[in-house]
Amino acid sequence: MAHVATDLAVTLPEDRPGMLAKAVNAVSSAGLNLEGHAEMEGVVHVLTTDADAARGALERAGFRVVREQQVVLVPVEDRPGSAADVFRRIADAKVNIRFSYLATRNRLVIAADELGDLVAALSE
């Protein structure tokens, strides 16, 4: 069963050891569970179900939120082809994916140009 969460993209103020740890610690110190994350070239994507609290914690720690986007979480089995099946359904529905990564508990995080179209494609 897919459901919606929020991906916060934040920039690292400096590219040095410890900055990713600082971002993750800011979220956990606020009592929030980190549902997933990805770091790519100085931008950390933080997956949360409480966007306001996570945004506040990150900003207080000195991070700048550069994008906030609703994403769909899709549970996938840990077997060959499971993610490919999900992405094929999305492609067949002609939905453009903006980004994707894997979150805790074997869930795909998927952002699309049109969230409603993505949800519909996954509901079929």
PDB file of N, CA and C in Angstrom:
ATOM      1  N   MET A   1       0.847  -1.183   0.000  1.00  0.00           N
ATOM      2  CA  MET A   1       0.000   0.000   0.000  1.00  0.00           C
ATOM      3  C   MET A   1       0.889   1.241   0.000  1.00  0.00           C
ATOM      4  N   ALA A   2       0.772   2.047  -1.012  1.00  0.00           N
ATOM      5  CA  ALA A   2       1.565   3.268  -1.120  1.00  0.00           C
ATOM      6  C   ALA A   2       0.938   4.375  -0.277  1.00  0.00           C
ATOM      7  N   HIS A   3       1.790   5.249   0.273  1.00  0.00           N
ATOM      8  CA  HIS A   3       1.267   6.431   0.949  1.00  0.00           C
ATOM      9  C   HIS A   3       2.211   7.607   0.712  1.00  0.00           C
ATOM     10  N   VAL A   4       1.751   8.785   1.073  1.00  0.00           N
ATOM     11  CA  VAL A   4       2.464  10.025   0.770  1.00  0.00           C
ATOM     12  C   VAL A   4       3.246  10.490   1.998  1.00  0.00           C
ATOM     13  N   ALA A   5       4.451  10.999   1.755  1.00  0.00           N
ATOM     14  CA  ALA A   5       5.289  11.603   2.790  1.00  0.00           C
ATOM     15  C   ALA A   5       5.934  12.837   2.161  1.00  0.00           C
ATOM     16  N   THR A   6       6.865  13.455   2.866  1.00  0.00           N
ATOM     17  CA  THR A   6       7.521  14.664   2.376  1.00  0.00           C
ATOM     18  C   THR A   6       9.028  14.449   2.302  1.00  0.00           C
ATOM     19  N   ASP A   7       9.602  14.881   1.194  1.00  0.00           N
ATOM     20  CA  ASP A   7      11.051  14.882   1.008  1.00  0.00           C
ATOM     21  C   ASP A   7      11.521  16.320   1.132  1.00  0.00           C
ATOM     22  N   LEU A   8      12.429  16.563   2.074  1.00  0.00           N
ATOM     23  CA  LEU A   8      13.039  17.880   2.225  1.00  0.00           C
ATOM     24  C   LEU A   8      14.452  17.805   1.665  1.00  0.00           C
ATOM     25  N   ALA A   9      14.756  18.630   0.685  1.00  0.00           N
ATOM     26  CA  ALA A   9      16.108  18.705   0.134  1.00  0.00           C
ATOM     27  C   ALA A   9      16.807  19.881   0.802  1.00  0.00           C
ATOM     28  N   VAL A  10      17.930  19.601   1.460  1.00  0.00           N
ATOM     29  CA  VAL A  10      18.673  20.644   2.168  1.00  0.00           C
ATOM     30  C   VAL A  10      20.114  20.651   1.691  1.00  0.00           C
ATOM     31  N   THR A  11      20.683  21.842   1.660  1.00  0.00           N
ATOM     32  CA  THR A  11      22.082  21.959   1.260  1.00  0.00           C
ATOM     33  C   THR A  11      22.977  21.878   2.485  1.00  0.00           C
ATOM     34  N   LEU A  12      24.134  21.288   2.290  1.00  0.00           N
ATOM     35  CA  LEU A  12      25.133  21.243   3.343  1.00  0.00           C
ATOM     36  C   LEU A  12      25.865  22.582   3.347  1.00  0.00           C
ATOM     37  N   PRO A  13      25.968  23.246   4.500  1.00  0.00           N
ATOM     38  CA  PRO A  13      26.632  24.558   4.524  1.00  0.00           C
ATOM     39  C   PRO A  13      28.118  24.475   4.156  1.00  0.00           C
ATOM     40  N   GLU A  14      28.728  23.316   4.406  1.00  0.00           N
ATOM     41  CA  GLU A  14      30.127  23.099   4.050  1.00  0.00           C
ATOM     42  C   GLU A  14      30.283  21.661   3.590  1.00  0.00           C
ATOM     43  N   ASP A  15      31.212  21.442   2.667  1.00  0.00           N
ATOM     44  CA  ASP A  15      31.494  20.095   2.199  1.00  0.00           C
ATOM     45  C   ASP A  15      32.700  19.570   2.977  1.00  0.00           C
ATOM     46  N   ARG A  16      32.402  19.021   4.154  1.00  0.00           N
ATOM     47  CA  ARG A  16      33.482  18.505   5.001  1.00  0.00           C
ATOM     48  C   ARG A  16      32.934  17.361   5.842  1.00  0.00           C
ATOM     49  N   PRO A  17      33.825  16.530   6.394  1.00  0.00           N
ATOM     50  CA  PRO A  17      33.369  15.428   7.223  1.00  0.00           C
ATOM     51  C   PRO A  17      32.483  15.911   8.374  1.00  0.00           C
ATOM     52  N   GLY A  18      31.437  15.162   8.633  1.00  0.00           N
ATOM     53  CA  GLY A  18      30.558  15.458   9.755  1.00  0.00           C
ATOM     54  C   GLY A  18      29.292  16.219   9.410  1.00  0.00           C
ATOM     55  N   MET A  19      29.206  16.779   8.211  1.00  0.00           N
ATOM     56  CA  MET A  19      28.026  17.583   7.872  1.00  0.00           C
ATOM     57  C   MET A  19      26.773  16.718   7.693  1.00  0.00           C
ATOM     58  N   LEU A  20      26.915  15.565   7.073  1.00  0.00           N
ATOM     59  CA  LEU A  20      25.769  14.670   6.936  1.00  0.00           C
ATOM     60  C   LEU A  20      25.320  14.184   8.316  1.00  0.00           C
ATOM     61  N   ALA A  21      26.278  13.847   9.152  1.00  0.00           N
ATOM     62  CA  ALA A  21      25.947  13.422  10.522  1.00  0.00           C
ATOM     63  C   ALA A  21      25.205  14.526  11.260  1.00  0.00           C
ATOM     64  N   LYS A  22      25.610  15.768  11.063  1.00  0.00           N
ATOM     65  CA  LYS A  22      24.950  16.900  11.720  1.00  0.00           C
ATOM     66  C   LYS A  22      23.492  17.016  11.270  1.00  0.00           C
ATOM     67  N   ALA A  23      23.235  16.836   9.977  1.00  0.00           N
ATOM     68  CA  ALA A  23      21.868  16.929   9.454  1.00  0.00           C
ATOM     69  C   ALA A  23      20.994  15.815  10.022  1.00  0.00           C
ATOM     70  N   VAL A  24      21.504  14.593   9.999  1.00  0.00           N
ATOM     71  CA  VAL A  24      20.742  13.455  10.508  1.00  0.00           C
ATOM     72  C   VAL A  24      20.517  13.601  12.010  1.00  0.00           C
ATOM     73  N   ASN A  25      21.519  14.072  12.713  1.00  0.00           N
ATOM     74  CA  ASN A  25      21.391  14.280  14.158  1.00  0.00           C
ATOM     75  C   ASN A  25      20.358  15.360  14.475  1.00  0.00           C
ATOM     76  N   ALA A  26      20.277  16.396  13.660  1.00  0.00           N
ATOM     77  CA  ALA A  26      19.285  17.455  13.891  1.00  0.00           C
ATOM     78  C   ALA A  26      17.877  16.883  13.875  1.00  0.00           C
ATOM     79  N   VAL A  27      17.616  15.974  12.946  1.00  0.00           N
ATOM     80  CA  VAL A  27      16.290  15.362  12.833  1.00  0.00           C
ATOM     81  C   VAL A  27      16.033  14.452  14.039  1.00  0.00           C
ATOM     82  N   SER A  28      16.995  13.599  14.353  1.00  0.00           N
ATOM     83  CA  SER A  28      16.772  12.658  15.456  1.00  0.00           C
ATOM     84  C   SER A  28      16.718  13.365  16.809  1.00  0.00           C
ATOM     85  N   SER A  29      17.491  14.432  16.987  1.00  0.00           N
ATOM     86  CA  SER A  29      17.464  15.176  18.248  1.00  0.00           C
ATOM     87  C   SER A  29      16.121  15.856  18.492  1.00  0.00           C
ATOM     88  N   ALA A  30      15.376  16.093  17.406  1.00  0.00           N
ATOM     89  CA  ALA A  30      14.041  16.674  17.529  1.00  0.00           C
ATOM     90  C   ALA A  30      12.996  15.600  17.835  1.00  0.00           C
ATOM     91  N   GLY A  31      13.466  14.357  18.022  1.00  0.00           N
ATOM     92  CA  GLY A  31      12.551  13.268  18.339  1.00  0.00           C
ATOM     93  C   GLY A  31      11.841  12.693  17.133  1.00  0.00           C
ATOM     94  N   LEU A  32      12.382  12.968  15.939  1.00  0.00           N
ATOM     95  CA  LEU A  32      11.757  12.502  14.700  1.00  0.00           C
ATOM     96  C   LEU A  32      12.481  11.278  14.169  1.00  0.00           C
ATOM     97  N   ASN A  33      11.712  10.326  13.683  1.00  0.00           N
ATOM     98  CA  ASN A  33      12.300   9.157  13.049  1.00  0.00           C
ATOM     99  C   ASN A  33      12.682   9.517  11.611  1.00  0.00           C
ATOM    100  N   LEU A  34      13.898   9.197  11.242  1.00  0.00           N
ATOM    101  CA  LEU A  34      14.351   9.417   9.871  1.00  0.00           C
ATOM    102  C   LEU A  34      13.816   8.265   9.033  1.00  0.00           C
ATOM    103  N   GLU A  35      12.823   8.546   8.204  1.00  0.00           N
ATOM    104  CA  GLU A  35      12.184   7.516   7.391  1.00  0.00           C
ATOM    105  C   GLU A  35      13.085   7.061   6.245  1.00  0.00           C
ATOM    106  N   GLY A  36      13.990   7.924   5.830  1.00  0.00           N
ATOM    107  CA  GLY A  36      14.915   7.619   4.751  1.00  0.00           C
ATOM    108  C   GLY A  36      15.723   8.857   4.445  1.00  0.00           C
ATOM    109  N   HIS A  37      16.807   8.674   3.724  1.00  0.00           N
ATOM    110  CA  HIS A  37      17.604   9.823   3.297  1.00  0.00           C
ATOM    111  C   HIS A  37      18.490   9.418   2.130  1.00  0.00           C
ATOM    112  N   ALA A  38      18.919  10.407   1.408  1.00  0.00           N
ATOM    113  CA  ALA A  38      19.906  10.229   0.339  1.00  0.00           C
ATOM    114  C   ALA A  38      20.734  11.501   0.296  1.00  0.00           C
ATOM    115  N   GLU A  39      22.035  11.350   0.096  1.00  0.00           N
ATOM    116  CA  GLU A  39      22.910  12.515  -0.048  1.00  0.00           C
ATOM    117  C   GLU A  39      23.582  12.414  -1.400  1.00  0.00           C
ATOM    118  N   MET A  40      23.427  13.470  -2.194  1.00  0.00           N
ATOM    119  CA  MET A  40      24.015  13.494  -3.527  1.00  0.00           C
ATOM    120  C   MET A  40      24.612  14.865  -3.783  1.00  0.00           C
ATOM    121  N   GLU A  41      25.924  14.905  -3.887  1.00  0.00           N
ATOM    122  CA  GLU A  41      26.643  16.112  -4.281  1.00  0.00           C
ATOM    123  C   GLU A  41      26.274  17.334  -3.448  1.00  0.00           C
ATOM    124  N   GLY A  42      26.279  17.177  -2.141  1.00  0.00           N
ATOM    125  CA  GLY A  42      26.045  18.311  -1.255  1.00  0.00           C
ATOM    126  C   GLY A  42      24.594  18.637  -0.973  1.00  0.00           C
ATOM    127  N   VAL A  43      23.679  17.824  -1.481  1.00  0.00           N
ATOM    128  CA  VAL A  43      22.260  18.008  -1.179  1.00  0.00           C
ATOM    129  C   VAL A  43      21.773  16.751  -0.471  1.00  0.00           C
ATOM    130  N   VAL A  44      21.192  16.946   0.712  1.00  0.00           N
ATOM    131  CA  VAL A  44      20.666  15.833   1.491  1.00  0.00           C
ATOM    132  C   VAL A  44      19.152  15.824   1.345  1.00  0.00           C
ATOM    133  N   HIS A  45      18.621  14.663   0.978  1.00  0.00           N
ATOM    134  CA  HIS A  45      17.169  14.476   0.923  1.00  0.00           C
ATOM    135  C   HIS A  45      16.768  13.770   2.197  1.00  0.00           C
ATOM    136  N   VAL A  46      15.891  14.387   2.970  1.00  0.00           N
ATOM    137  CA  VAL A  46      15.417  13.840   4.238  1.00  0.00           C
ATOM    138  C   VAL A  46      13.945  13.483   4.063  1.00  0.00           C
ATOM    139  N   LEU A  47      13.620  12.233   4.304  1.00  0.00           N
ATOM    140  CA  LEU A  47      12.251  11.753   4.185  1.00  0.00           C
ATOM    141  C   LEU A  47      11.592  11.804   5.551  1.00  0.00           C
ATOM    142  N   THR A  48      10.440  12.456   5.617  1.00  0.00           N
ATOM    143  CA  THR A  48       9.767  12.626   6.902  1.00  0.00           C
ATOM    144  C   THR A  48       8.252  12.589   6.741  1.00  0.00           C
ATOM    145  N   THR A  49       7.589  12.233   7.819  1.00  0.00           N
ATOM    146  CA  THR A  49       6.126  12.317   7.853  1.00  0.00           C
ATOM    147  C   THR A  49       5.689  13.550   8.635  1.00  0.00           C
ATOM    148  N   ASP A  50       6.650  14.306   9.181  1.00  0.00           N
ATOM    149  CA  ASP A  50       6.357  15.552   9.898  1.00  0.00           C
ATOM    150  C   ASP A  50       7.253  16.650   9.327  1.00  0.00           C
ATOM    151  N   ALA A  51       6.841  17.197   8.193  1.00  0.00           N
ATOM    152  CA  ALA A  51       7.662  18.167   7.468  1.00  0.00           C
ATOM    153  C   ALA A  51       7.952  19.419   8.291  1.00  0.00           C
ATOM    154  N   ASP A  52       6.962  19.942   9.004  1.00  0.00           N
ATOM    155  CA  ASP A  52       7.165  21.172   9.766  1.00  0.00           C
ATOM    156  C   ASP A  52       8.240  20.988  10.834  1.00  0.00           C
ATOM    157  N   ALA A  53       8.149  19.905  11.590  1.00  0.00           N
ATOM    158  CA  ALA A  53       9.127  19.661  12.656  1.00  0.00           C
ATOM    159  C   ALA A  53      10.516  19.388  12.082  1.00  0.00           C
ATOM    160  N   ALA A  54      10.594  18.609  10.999  1.00  0.00           N
ATOM    161  CA  ALA A  54      11.897  18.304  10.397  1.00  0.00           C
ATOM    162  C   ALA A  54      12.523  19.559   9.799  1.00  0.00           C
ATOM    163  N   ARG A  55      11.714  20.362   9.110  1.00  0.00           N
ATOM    164  CA  ARG A  55      12.220  21.612   8.529  1.00  0.00           C
ATOM    165  C   ARG A  55      12.777  22.518   9.620  1.00  0.00           C
ATOM    166  N   GLY A  56      12.025  22.677  10.704  1.00  0.00           N
ATOM    167  CA  GLY A  56      12.473  23.516  11.811  1.00  0.00           C
ATOM    168  C   GLY A  56      13.767  23.018  12.420  1.00  0.00           C
ATOM    169  N   ALA A  57      13.862  21.716  12.644  1.00  0.00           N
ATOM    170  CA  ALA A  57      15.075  21.139  13.238  1.00  0.00           C
ATOM    171  C   ALA A  57      16.285  21.354  12.333  1.00  0.00           C
ATOM    172  N   LEU A  58      16.106  21.155  11.052  1.00  0.00           N
ATOM    173  CA  LEU A  58      17.211  21.332  10.101  1.00  0.00           C
ATOM    174  C   LEU A  58      17.636  22.796  10.007  1.00  0.00           C
ATOM    175  N   GLU A  59      16.661  23.691   9.963  1.00  0.00           N
ATOM    176  CA  GLU A  59      16.992  25.123   9.863  1.00  0.00           C
ATOM    177  C   GLU A  59      17.680  25.614  11.133  1.00  0.00           C
ATOM    178  N   ARG A  60      17.232  25.163  12.283  1.00  0.00           N
ATOM    179  CA  ARG A  60      17.891  25.553  13.544  1.00  0.00           C
ATOM    180  C   ARG A  60      19.330  25.055  13.596  1.00  0.00           C
ATOM    181  N   ALA A  61      19.615  23.959  12.916  1.00  0.00           N
ATOM    182  CA  ALA A  61      20.971  23.400  12.890  1.00  0.00           C
ATOM    183  C   ALA A  61      21.837  24.051  11.807  1.00  0.00           C
ATOM    184  N   GLY A  62      21.264  25.025  11.070  1.00  0.00           N
ATOM    185  CA  GLY A  62      22.046  25.751  10.071  1.00  0.00           C
ATOM    186  C   GLY A  62      21.916  25.263   8.641  1.00  0.00           C
ATOM    187  N   PHE A  63      20.965  24.391   8.399  1.00  0.00           N
ATOM    188  CA  PHE A  63      20.759  23.889   7.034  1.00  0.00           C
ATOM    189  C   PHE A  63      19.668  24.689   6.342  1.00  0.00           C
ATOM    190  N   ARG A  64      19.799  24.815   5.033  1.00  0.00           N
ATOM    191  CA  ARG A  64      18.813  25.558   4.236  1.00  0.00           C
ATOM    192  C   ARG A  64      18.005  24.569   3.405  1.00  0.00           C
ATOM    193  N   VAL A  65      16.686  24.593   3.582  1.00  0.00           N
ATOM    194  CA  VAL A  65      15.799  23.748   2.790  1.00  0.00           C
ATOM    195  C   VAL A  65      15.642  24.409   1.422  1.00  0.00           C
ATOM    196  N   VAL A  66      16.055  23.695   0.374  1.00  0.00           N
ATOM    197  CA  VAL A  66      15.978  24.259  -0.976  1.00  0.00           C
ATOM    198  C   VAL A  66      14.781  23.748  -1.760  1.00  0.00           C
ATOM    199  N   ARG A  67      14.202  22.623  -1.291  1.00  0.00           N
ATOM    200  CA  ARG A  67      12.992  22.124  -1.947  1.00  0.00           C
ATOM    201  C   ARG A  67      12.259  21.206  -0.992  1.00  0.00           C
ATOM    202  N   GLU A  68      10.951  21.331  -1.028  1.00  0.00           N
ATOM    203  CA  GLU A  68      10.076  20.450  -0.250  1.00  0.00           C
ATOM    204  C   GLU A  68       9.094  19.859  -1.233  1.00  0.00           C
ATOM    205  N   GLN A  69       9.020  18.535  -1.258  1.00  0.00           N
ATOM    206  CA  GLN A  69       8.165  17.890  -2.249  1.00  0.00           C
ATOM    207  C   GLN A  69       7.451  16.696  -1.640  1.00  0.00           C
ATOM    208  N   GLN A  70       6.179  16.576  -1.965  1.00  0.00           N
ATOM    209  CA  GLN A  70       5.422  15.396  -1.589  1.00  0.00           C
ATOM    210  C   GLN A  70       5.908  14.233  -2.449  1.00  0.00           C
ATOM    211  N   VAL A  71       6.087  13.083  -1.821  1.00  0.00           N
ATOM    212  CA  VAL A  71       6.566  11.887  -2.513  1.00  0.00           C
ATOM    213  C   VAL A  71       5.654  10.722  -2.133  1.00  0.00           C
ATOM    214  N   VAL A  72       5.734   9.678  -2.936  1.00  0.00           N
ATOM    215  CA  VAL A  72       4.966   8.469  -2.652  1.00  0.00           C
ATOM    216  C   VAL A  72       5.932   7.398  -2.164  1.00  0.00           C
ATOM    217  N   LEU A  73       5.550   6.726  -1.078  1.00  0.00           N
ATOM    218  CA  LEU A  73       6.320   5.601  -0.551  1.00  0.00           C
ATOM    219  C   LEU A  73       5.640   4.319  -1.007  1.00  0.00           C
ATOM    220  N   VAL A  74       6.424   3.472  -1.658  1.00  0.00           N
ATOM    221  CA  VAL A  74       5.884   2.227  -2.198  1.00  0.00           C
ATOM    222  C   VAL A  74       6.649   1.049  -1.608  1.00  0.00           C
ATOM    223  N   PRO A  75       5.999   0.205  -0.823  1.00  0.00           N
ATOM    224  CA  PRO A  75       6.678  -0.983  -0.303  1.00  0.00           C
ATOM    225  C   PRO A  75       7.048  -1.914  -1.462  1.00  0.00           C
ATOM    226  N   VAL A  76       8.261  -2.445  -1.413  1.00  0.00           N
ATOM    227  CA  VAL A  76       8.703  -3.408  -2.424  1.00  0.00           C
ATOM    228  C   VAL A  76       9.315  -4.613  -1.729  1.00  0.00           C
ATOM    229  N   GLU A  77       9.152  -5.767  -2.350  1.00  0.00           N
ATOM    230  CA  GLU A  77       9.780  -6.977  -1.836  1.00  0.00           C
ATOM    231  C   GLU A  77      11.272  -6.931  -2.114  1.00  0.00           C
ATOM    232  N   ASP A  78      12.026  -7.612  -1.298  1.00  0.00           N
ATOM    233  CA  ASP A  78      13.471  -7.708  -1.491  1.00  0.00           C
ATOM    234  C   ASP A  78      13.754  -8.890  -2.417  1.00  0.00           C
ATOM    235  N   ARG A  79      13.469  -8.682  -3.702  1.00  0.00           N
ATOM    236  CA  ARG A  79      13.687  -9.721  -4.712  1.00  0.00           C
ATOM    237  C   ARG A  79      13.979  -9.058  -6.052  1.00  0.00           C
ATOM    238  N   PRO A  80      14.702  -9.744  -6.931  1.00  0.00           N
ATOM    239  CA  PRO A  80      15.000  -9.179  -8.247  1.00  0.00           C
ATOM    240  C   PRO A  80      13.719  -8.835  -9.007  1.00  0.00           C
ATOM    241  N   GLY A  81      13.679  -7.632  -9.560  1.00  0.00           N
ATOM    242  CA  GLY A  81      12.555  -7.212 -10.397  1.00  0.00           C
ATOM    243  C   GLY A  81      11.441  -6.486  -9.670  1.00  0.00           C
ATOM    244  N   SER A  82      11.467  -6.458  -8.350  1.00  0.00           N
ATOM    245  CA  SER A  82      10.382  -5.824  -7.608  1.00  0.00           C
ATOM    246  C   SER A  82      10.293  -4.333  -7.923  1.00  0.00           C
ATOM    247  N   ALA A  83      11.408  -3.622  -7.841  1.00  0.00           N
ATOM    248  CA  ALA A  83      11.405  -2.188  -8.166  1.00  0.00           C
ATOM    249  C   ALA A  83      11.126  -1.973  -9.651  1.00  0.00           C
ATOM    250  N   ALA A  84      11.672  -2.835 -10.486  1.00  0.00           N
ATOM    251  CA  ALA A  84      11.451  -2.706 -11.934  1.00  0.00           C
ATOM    252  C   ALA A  84       9.965  -2.791 -12.266  1.00  0.00           C
ATOM    253  N   ASP A  85       9.237  -3.652 -11.569  1.00  0.00           N
ATOM    254  CA  ASP A  85       7.789  -3.762 -11.795  1.00  0.00           C
ATOM    255  C   ASP A  85       7.083  -2.445 -11.470  1.00  0.00           C
ATOM    256  N   VAL A  86       7.475  -1.822 -10.371  1.00  0.00           N
ATOM    257  CA  VAL A  86       6.870  -0.545  -9.972  1.00  0.00           C
ATOM    258  C   VAL A  86       7.170   0.522 -11.022  1.00  0.00           C
ATOM    259  N   PHE A  87       8.429   0.619 -11.432  1.00  0.00           N
ATOM    260  CA  PHE A  87       8.807   1.653 -12.402  1.00  0.00           C
ATOM    261  C   PHE A  87       8.174   1.409 -13.772  1.00  0.00           C
ATOM    262  N   ARG A  88       7.951   0.162 -14.137  1.00  0.00           N
ATOM    263  CA  ARG A  88       7.278  -0.154 -15.411  1.00  0.00           C
ATOM    264  C   ARG A  88       5.841   0.341 -15.369  1.00  0.00           C
ATOM    265  N   ARG A  89       5.146   0.140 -14.257  1.00  0.00           N
ATOM    266  CA  ARG A  89       3.762   0.623 -14.134  1.00  0.00           C
ATOM    267  C   ARG A  89       3.709   2.139 -14.270  1.00  0.00           C
ATOM    268  N   ILE A  90       4.672   2.813 -13.667  1.00  0.00           N
ATOM    269  CA  ILE A  90       4.722   4.277 -13.751  1.00  0.00           C
ATOM    270  C   ILE A  90       5.010   4.710 -15.184  1.00  0.00           C
ATOM    271  N   ALA A  91       5.947   4.051 -15.835  1.00  0.00           N
ATOM    272  CA  ALA A  91       6.287   4.383 -17.229  1.00  0.00           C
ATOM    273  C   ALA A  91       5.102   4.124 -18.150  1.00  0.00           C
ATOM    274  N   ASP A  92       4.421   3.005 -17.946  1.00  0.00           N
ATOM    275  CA  ASP A  92       3.258   2.691 -18.781  1.00  0.00           C
ATOM    276  C   ASP A  92       2.167   3.752 -18.651  1.00  0.00           C
ATOM    277  N   ALA A  93       2.089   4.391 -17.500  1.00  0.00           N
ATOM    278  CA  ALA A  93       1.109   5.461 -17.275  1.00  0.00           C
ATOM    279  C   ALA A  93       1.634   6.810 -17.770  1.00  0.00           C
ATOM    280  N   LYS A  94       2.843   6.814 -18.316  1.00  0.00           N
ATOM    281  CA  LYS A  94       3.473   8.022 -18.868  1.00  0.00           C
ATOM    282  C   LYS A  94       3.663   9.124 -17.814  1.00  0.00           C
ATOM    283  N   VAL A  95       4.044   8.703 -16.600  1.00  0.00           N
ATOM    284  CA  VAL A  95       4.312   9.630 -15.508  1.00  0.00           C
ATOM    285  C   VAL A  95       5.821   9.836 -15.439  1.00  0.00           C
ATOM    286  N   ASN A  96       6.243  11.096 -15.400  1.00  0.00           N
ATOM    287  CA  ASN A  96       7.664  11.421 -15.330  1.00  0.00           C
ATOM    288  C   ASN A  96       8.134  11.443 -13.877  1.00  0.00           C
ATOM    289  N   ILE A  97       9.160  10.648 -13.578  1.00  0.00           N
ATOM    290  CA  ILE A  97       9.738  10.590 -12.242  1.00  0.00           C
ATOM    291  C   ILE A  97      10.810  11.666 -12.118  1.00  0.00           C
ATOM    292  N   ARG A  98      10.754  12.452 -11.061  1.00  0.00           N
ATOM    293  CA  ARG A  98      11.768  13.482 -10.802  1.00  0.00           C
ATOM    294  C   ARG A  98      12.980  12.896 -10.116  1.00  0.00           C
ATOM    295  N   PHE A  99      12.739  12.050  -9.080  1.00  0.00           N
ATOM    296  CA  PHE A  99      13.813  11.334  -8.414  1.00  0.00           C
ATOM    297  C   PHE A  99      13.236  10.164  -7.650  1.00  0.00           C
ATOM    298  N   SER A 100      14.116   9.254  -7.260  1.00  0.00           N
ATOM    299  CA  SER A 100      13.715   8.083  -6.497  1.00  0.00           C
ATOM    300  C   SER A 100      14.906   7.609  -5.675  1.00  0.00           C
ATOM    301  N   TYR A 101      14.613   7.066  -4.509  1.00  0.00           N
ATOM    302  CA  TYR A 101      15.631   6.414  -3.696  1.00  0.00           C
ATOM    303  C   TYR A 101      14.948   5.398  -2.795  1.00  0.00           C
ATOM    304  N   LEU A 102      15.736   4.581  -2.138  1.00  0.00           N
ATOM    305  CA  LEU A 102      15.195   3.548  -1.260  1.00  0.00           C
ATOM    306  C   LEU A 102      15.211   4.039   0.177  1.00  0.00           C
ATOM    307  N   ALA A 103      14.107   3.826   0.878  1.00  0.00           N
ATOM    308  CA  ALA A 103      13.982   4.249   2.278  1.00  0.00           C
ATOM    309  C   ALA A 103      13.980   3.030   3.191  1.00  0.00           C
ATOM    310  N   THR A 104      13.840   3.291   4.476  1.00  0.00           N
ATOM    311  CA  THR A 104      13.771   2.217   5.453  1.00  0.00           C
ATOM    312  C   THR A 104      12.616   1.276   5.139  1.00  0.00           C
ATOM    313  N   ARG A 105      12.728   0.074   5.634  1.00  0.00           N
ATOM    314  CA  ARG A 105      11.693  -0.959   5.486  1.00  0.00           C
ATOM    315  C   ARG A 105      11.356  -1.266   4.023  1.00  0.00           C
ATOM    316  N   ASN A 106      12.377  -1.280   3.154  1.00  0.00           N
ATOM    317  CA  ASN A 106      12.202  -1.646   1.740  1.00  0.00           C
ATOM    318  C   ASN A 106      11.083  -0.863   1.055  1.00  0.00           C
ATOM    319  N   ARG A 107      11.160   0.455   1.166  1.00  0.00           N
ATOM    320  CA  ARG A 107      10.173   1.302   0.502  1.00  0.00           C
ATOM    321  C   ARG A 107      10.872   2.175  -0.517  1.00  0.00           C
ATOM    322  N   LEU A 108      10.307   2.224  -1.713  1.00  0.00           N
ATOM    323  CA  LEU A 108      10.778   3.156  -2.722  1.00  0.00           C
ATOM    324  C   LEU A 108      10.186   4.523  -2.431  1.00  0.00           C
ATOM    325  N   VAL A 109      11.006   5.548  -2.535  1.00  0.00           N
ATOM    326  CA  VAL A 109      10.560   6.938  -2.431  1.00  0.00           C
ATOM    327  C   VAL A 109      10.545   7.451  -3.863  1.00  0.00           C
ATOM    328  N   ILE A 110       9.392   7.908  -4.316  1.00  0.00           N
ATOM    329  CA  ILE A 110       9.269   8.336  -5.706  1.00  0.00           C
ATOM    330  C   ILE A 110       8.617   9.714  -5.753  1.00  0.00           C
ATOM    331  N   ALA A 111       9.297  10.639  -6.433  1.00  0.00           N
ATOM    332  CA  ALA A 111       8.748  11.973  -6.682  1.00  0.00           C
ATOM    333  C   ALA A 111       8.458  12.078  -8.171  1.00  0.00           C
ATOM    334  N   ALA A 112       7.359  12.717  -8.505  1.00  0.00           N
ATOM    335  CA  ALA A 112       6.960  12.855  -9.904  1.00  0.00           C
ATOM    336  C   ALA A 112       6.507  14.280 -10.163  1.00  0.00           C
ATOM    337  N   ASP A 113       6.462  14.628 -11.453  1.00  0.00           N
ATOM    338  CA  ASP A 113       5.980  15.953 -11.833  1.00  0.00           C
ATOM    339  C   ASP A 113       4.551  16.165 -11.336  1.00  0.00           C
ATOM    340  N   GLU A 114       3.732  15.128 -11.417  1.00  0.00           N
ATOM    341  CA  GLU A 114       2.329  15.209 -10.990  1.00  0.00           C
ATOM    342  C   GLU A 114       2.039  14.110  -9.983  1.00  0.00           C
ATOM    343  N   LEU A 115       1.931  14.472  -8.691  1.00  0.00           N
ATOM    344  CA  LEU A 115       1.728  13.490  -7.632  1.00  0.00           C
ATOM    345  C   LEU A 115       0.449  12.684  -7.846  1.00  0.00           C
ATOM    346  N   GLY A 116      -0.619  13.338  -8.248  1.00  0.00           N
ATOM    347  CA  GLY A 116      -1.892  12.641  -8.464  1.00  0.00           C
ATOM    348  C   GLY A 116      -1.788  11.574  -9.533  1.00  0.00           C
ATOM    349  N   ASP A 117      -1.074  11.872 -10.620  1.00  0.00           N
ATOM    350  CA  ASP A 117      -0.889  10.889 -11.687  1.00  0.00           C
ATOM    351  C   ASP A 117      -0.059   9.702 -11.195  1.00  0.00           C
ATOM    352  N   LEU A 118       0.939   9.991 -10.351  1.00  0.00           N
ATOM    353  CA  LEU A 118       1.775   8.924  -9.801  1.00  0.00           C
ATOM    354  C   LEU A 118       0.942   8.009  -8.909  1.00  0.00           C
ATOM    355  N   VAL A 119       0.148   8.598  -8.034  1.00  0.00           N
ATOM    356  CA  VAL A 119      -0.705   7.812  -7.134  1.00  0.00           C
ATOM    357  C   VAL A 119      -1.670   6.957  -7.950  1.00  0.00           C
ATOM    358  N   ALA A 120      -2.256   7.546  -8.990  1.00  0.00           N
ATOM    359  CA  ALA A 120      -3.198   6.789  -9.840  1.00  0.00           C
ATOM    360  C   ALA A 120      -2.494   5.629 -10.538  1.00  0.00           C
ATOM    361  N   ALA A 121      -1.289   5.852 -11.033  1.00  0.00           N
ATOM    362  CA  ALA A 121      -0.552   4.799 -11.721  1.00  0.00           C
ATOM    363  C   ALA A 121      -0.245   3.641 -10.781  1.00  0.00           C
ATOM    364  N   LEU A 122       0.015   3.942  -9.533  1.00  0.00           N
ATOM    365  CA  LEU A 122       0.350   2.896  -8.572  1.00  0.00           C
ATOM    366  C   LEU A 122      -0.881   2.210  -8.001  1.00  0.00           C
ATOM    367  N   SER A 123      -2.038   2.830  -8.173  1.00  0.00           N
ATOM    368  CA  SER A 123      -3.289   2.253  -7.664  1.00  0.00           C
ATOM    369  C   SER A 123      -3.911   1.262  -8.636  1.00  0.00           C
ATOM    370  N   GLU A 124      -3.478   1.322  -9.869  1.00  0.00           N
ATOM    371  CA  GLU A 124      -4.079   0.440 -10.904  1.00  0.00           C
ATOM    372  C   GLU A 124      -3.641  -0.979 -10.754  1.00  0.00           C
TER     373      GLU A 124
END
